[in-house]
Structures are given as C-alpha cells and as structure tokens.
Amino acid sequence: MASATVDWEGVSRLPPRVRAAVKLFIETGDLYKAAKLAGMTLDEFNELRLRLGIVRTADDM
C-alpha cells in the first residue's frame, strides 16, 4: 500500500473495530477480510478506504 497518502488522523478517529480493519487491509491488502471485520459491505469499506486515501499500487496486486 502507498501509506504516504493515508489520512492517519482520520484512521485514528474511527471506531476501534473499523480502525483494526483498516490496519488489516493496509497490512494484507485483503479487502474481503477487512470489510468483514469492520462489519461493512465490500462497497462500504472500499468507499471508506478511498476517503482515507488508501490506494492500491501495482506492486500490491
């Protein structure tokens, strides 16, 4: 993940469960597991990811 673009202040304001899911996604790139942990649909989590500036690079895939 390109962590330089992540809004870490925004991440820190998230509820603990969602914050843990975001960190899991950054570490593993597993959108499905992160969304499930956060209690969100894939689309909801993906929108959150984009709002927080978490981008996937070609190296991540």
Protein backbone atom coordinates (compact mmCIF):
# COMPACT_ATOMS: atom_id res chain seq x y z
CA MET A 1 0.00 0.00 0.00
CA ALA A 2 1.08 3.54 -0.56
CA SER A 3 0.99 4.52 3.12
CA ALA A 4 2.33 8.03 2.47
CA THR A 5 -1.12 9.06 1.22
CA VAL A 6 -3.10 7.64 4.15
CA ASP A 7 -5.06 10.07 6.33
CA TRP A 8 -3.76 8.67 9.64
CA GLU A 9 -5.65 11.29 11.64
CA GLY A 10 -8.87 10.09 10.01
CA VAL A 11 -7.94 6.48 10.74
CA SER A 12 -7.33 7.30 14.41
CA ARG A 13 -10.85 8.77 14.71
CA LEU A 14 -12.55 5.58 13.53
CA PRO A 15 -14.23 3.17 15.95
CA PRO A 16 -11.75 0.53 17.18
CA ARG A 17 -13.21 -2.30 15.10
CA VAL A 18 -13.15 -0.29 11.87
CA ARG A 19 -9.67 1.06 12.67
CA ALA A 20 -8.42 -2.51 13.13
CA ALA A 21 -9.98 -3.46 9.80
CA VAL A 22 -8.25 -0.56 8.04
CA LYS A 23 -4.90 -1.59 9.52
CA LEU A 24 -5.54 -5.20 8.47
CA PHE A 25 -6.25 -4.04 4.93
CA ILE A 26 -3.10 -1.93 4.82
CA GLU A 27 -1.00 -4.87 6.04
CA THR A 28 -2.56 -7.64 3.95
CA GLY A 29 -4.48 -6.00 1.10
CA ASP A 30 -7.39 -8.36 1.81
CA LEU A 31 -10.48 -6.25 1.16
CA TYR A 32 -12.91 -9.08 1.96
CA LYS A 33 -11.47 -9.85 5.42
CA ALA A 34 -11.16 -6.17 6.29
CA ALA A 35 -14.76 -5.42 5.30
CA LYS A 36 -15.99 -8.42 7.28
CA LEU A 37 -14.01 -7.36 10.37
CA ALA A 38 -15.40 -3.82 10.07
CA GLY A 39 -18.97 -5.11 9.71
CA MET A 40 -19.30 -3.39 6.32
CA THR A 41 -20.09 -4.47 2.79
CA LEU A 42 -17.22 -4.54 0.32
CA ASP A 43 -18.57 -1.37 -1.31
CA GLU A 44 -18.85 0.48 2.01
CA PHE A 45 -15.33 -0.48 3.04
CA ASN A 46 -13.95 0.41 -0.38
CA GLU A 47 -15.54 3.88 -0.14
CA LEU A 48 -14.01 4.34 3.33
CA ARG A 49 -10.62 3.21 2.00
CA LEU A 50 -10.75 5.79 -0.77
CA ARG A 51 -11.88 8.57 1.61
CA LEU A 52 -8.88 7.81 3.81
CA GLY A 53 -6.51 7.99 0.86
CA ILE A 54 -5.57 4.32 0.97
CA VAL A 55 -4.62 3.43 -2.58
CA ARG A 56 -3.50 0.15 -4.08
CA THR A 57 -0.45 0.26 -6.27
CA ALA A 58 0.55 -2.20 -9.00
CA ASP A 59 3.07 -3.68 -6.56
CA ASP A 60 0.22 -4.58 -4.17
CA MET A 61 -1.60 -6.80 -6.63
